[in-house]
Amino acid sequence: MVAKDPSVIPVDTLSETGIIGLDDPILVTGSTGFIGSCVMENLLERGFRNVRCLVRPSGNVTHLEALRSEKGARLDLIRGNLLSR
């Protein structure tokens, strides 16, 4: 049996502990990618409703737009790039 780290707060209790509210803004980078889209779905399923999504200028946002209408959430799609030059 692995001992749990007492400093790690389970994700499903974040809004209950006051660390972040369900209406607080959250920024997800790479939200059109495989992991980012899973993170987006997970956040929305847990009740978070104010999510900002950074997507590449060439990114396909069809899935995010479907999530927005399906879940009734506020998803701000921000086109940008985090590459440093």
C-alpha atoms as a PDB file:
ATOM      1  CA  MET A   1       0.000   0.000   0.000  1.00  0.00           C
ATOM      2  CA  VAL A   2       1.330   3.434  -0.959  1.00  0.00           C
ATOM      3  CA  ALA A   3       1.068   6.162   1.655  1.00  0.00           C
ATOM      4  CA  LYS A   4      -0.788   9.270   0.510  1.00  0.00           C
ATOM      5  CA  ASP A   5       1.053  12.562   0.582  1.00  0.00           C
ATOM      6  CA  PRO A   6      -0.916  14.821   2.984  1.00  0.00           C
ATOM      7  CA  SER A   7       0.102  17.926   1.016  1.00  0.00           C
ATOM      8  CA  VAL A   8      -1.646  16.702  -2.159  1.00  0.00           C
ATOM      9  CA  ILE A   9      -5.288  17.740  -2.397  1.00  0.00           C
ATOM     10  CA  PRO A  10      -7.521  15.452  -4.463  1.00  0.00           C
ATOM     11  CA  VAL A  11      -8.846  17.189  -7.579  1.00  0.00           C
ATOM     12  CA  ASP A  12     -12.447  16.307  -6.766  1.00  0.00           C
ATOM     13  CA  THR A  13     -12.284  18.359  -3.549  1.00  0.00           C
ATOM     14  CA  LEU A  14     -10.640  21.521  -4.932  1.00  0.00           C
ATOM     15  CA  SER A  15     -13.853  23.536  -4.996  1.00  0.00           C
ATOM     16  CA  GLU A  16     -14.899  22.168  -1.590  1.00  0.00           C
ATOM     17  CA  THR A  17     -11.638  23.252   0.077  1.00  0.00           C
ATOM     18  CA  GLY A  18     -11.875  26.832  -1.141  1.00  0.00           C
ATOM     19  CA  ILE A  19      -8.744  26.659  -3.280  1.00  0.00           C
ATOM     20  CA  ILE A  20     -10.741  27.447  -6.391  1.00  0.00           C
ATOM     21  CA  GLY A  21     -14.401  28.158  -6.931  1.00  0.00           C
ATOM     22  CA  LEU A  22     -16.510  26.629  -9.677  1.00  0.00           C
ATOM     23  CA  ASP A  23     -16.852  30.058 -11.316  1.00  0.00           C
ATOM     24  CA  ASP A  24     -13.200  31.105 -10.976  1.00  0.00           C
ATOM     25  CA  PRO A  25     -11.318  31.453 -14.278  1.00  0.00           C
ATOM     26  CA  ILE A  26      -9.079  28.561 -15.318  1.00  0.00           C
ATOM     27  CA  LEU A  27      -6.593  28.672 -18.211  1.00  0.00           C
ATOM     28  CA  VAL A  28      -5.906  25.456 -20.123  1.00  0.00           C
ATOM     29  CA  THR A  29      -3.113  25.521 -22.691  1.00  0.00           C
ATOM     30  CA  GLY A  30      -3.143  22.972 -25.473  1.00  0.00           C
ATOM     31  CA  SER A  31      -6.862  22.451 -25.033  1.00  0.00           C
ATOM     32  CA  THR A  32      -7.336  21.034 -28.539  1.00  0.00           C
ATOM     33  CA  GLY A  33      -4.714  18.327 -28.027  1.00  0.00           C
ATOM     34  CA  PHE A  34      -5.305  14.839 -26.640  1.00  0.00           C
ATOM     35  CA  ILE A  35      -4.455  15.590 -23.007  1.00  0.00           C
ATOM     36  CA  GLY A  36      -5.871  19.118 -23.090  1.00  0.00           C
ATOM     37  CA  SER A  37      -9.231  17.933 -24.385  1.00  0.00           C
ATOM     38  CA  CYS A  38      -9.378  15.308 -21.621  1.00  0.00           C
ATOM     39  CA  VAL A  39      -8.576  18.018 -19.059  1.00  0.00           C
ATOM     40  CA  MET A  40     -11.327  20.205 -20.515  1.00  0.00           C
ATOM     41  CA  GLU A  41     -13.938  17.450 -20.326  1.00  0.00           C
ATOM     42  CA  ASN A  42     -12.874  16.596 -16.784  1.00  0.00           C
ATOM     43  CA  LEU A  43     -13.118  20.207 -15.596  1.00  0.00           C
ATOM     44  CA  LEU A  44     -16.567  20.630 -17.104  1.00  0.00           C
ATOM     45  CA  GLU A  45     -17.795  17.332 -15.657  1.00  0.00           C
ATOM     46  CA  ARG A  46     -16.652  18.503 -12.210  1.00  0.00           C
ATOM     47  CA  GLY A  47     -18.725  21.660 -12.544  1.00  0.00           C
ATOM     48  CA  PHE A  48     -16.139  24.296 -13.460  1.00  0.00           C
ATOM     49  CA  ARG A  49     -17.828  26.779 -15.788  1.00  0.00           C
ATOM     50  CA  ASN A  50     -15.343  29.565 -16.555  1.00  0.00           C
ATOM     51  CA  VAL A  51     -12.535  28.073 -18.609  1.00  0.00           C
ATOM     52  CA  ARG A  52     -10.185  29.876 -20.965  1.00  0.00           C
ATOM     53  CA  CYS A  53      -8.669  27.736 -23.688  1.00  0.00           C
ATOM     54  CA  LEU A  54      -5.427  28.670 -25.392  1.00  0.00           C
ATOM     55  CA  VAL A  55      -5.415  27.118 -28.854  1.00  0.00           C
ATOM     56  CA  ARG A  56      -2.945  27.346 -31.695  1.00  0.00           C
ATOM     57  CA  PRO A  57      -3.972  29.603 -34.573  1.00  0.00           C
ATOM     58  CA  SER A  58      -4.278  26.497 -36.752  1.00  0.00           C
ATOM     59  CA  GLY A  59      -6.080  24.461 -34.071  1.00  0.00           C
ATOM     60  CA  ASN A  60      -9.416  22.775 -34.724  1.00  0.00           C
ATOM     61  CA  VAL A  61     -11.871  24.098 -32.126  1.00  0.00           C
ATOM     62  CA  THR A  62     -14.894  22.058 -33.244  1.00  0.00           C
ATOM     63  CA  HIS A  63     -14.695  19.780 -30.195  1.00  0.00           C
ATOM     64  CA  LEU A  64     -14.417  22.746 -27.812  1.00  0.00           C
ATOM     65  CA  GLU A  65     -17.378  24.517 -29.399  1.00  0.00           C
ATOM     66  CA  ALA A  66     -19.431  21.316 -29.022  1.00  0.00           C
ATOM     67  CA  LEU A  67     -18.433  21.096 -25.342  1.00  0.00           C
ATOM     68  CA  ARG A  68     -19.395  24.726 -24.833  1.00  0.00           C
ATOM     69  CA  SER A  69     -22.912  24.208 -26.163  1.00  0.00           C
ATOM     70  CA  GLU A  70     -23.346  20.754 -24.593  1.00  0.00           C
ATOM     71  CA  LYS A  71     -22.243  21.715 -21.074  1.00  0.00           C
ATOM     72  CA  GLY A  72     -23.513  25.300 -21.078  1.00  0.00           C
ATOM     73  CA  ALA A  73     -20.143  26.532 -19.888  1.00  0.00           C
ATOM     74  CA  ARG A  74     -18.313  29.763 -20.566  1.00  0.00           C
ATOM     75  CA  LEU A  75     -15.378  28.738 -22.708  1.00  0.00           C
ATOM     76  CA  ASP A  76     -13.254  31.576 -24.013  1.00  0.00           C
ATOM     77  CA  LEU A  77     -11.234  30.382 -26.996  1.00  0.00           C
ATOM     78  CA  ILE A  78      -7.997  32.339 -27.220  1.00  0.00           C
ATOM     79  CA  ARG A  79      -5.848  31.791 -30.289  1.00  0.00           C
ATOM     80  CA  GLY A  80      -2.173  32.114 -29.555  1.00  0.00           C
ATOM     81  CA  ASN A  81       1.216  30.466 -29.425  1.00  0.00           C
ATOM     82  CA  LEU A  82       3.533  29.918 -26.454  1.00  0.00           C
ATOM     83  CA  LEU A  83       6.674  29.395 -28.538  1.00  0.00           C
ATOM     84  CA  SER A  84       9.517  31.681 -27.599  1.00  0.00           C
ATOM     85  CA  ARG A  85      11.506  33.174 -30.444  1.00  0.00           C
END
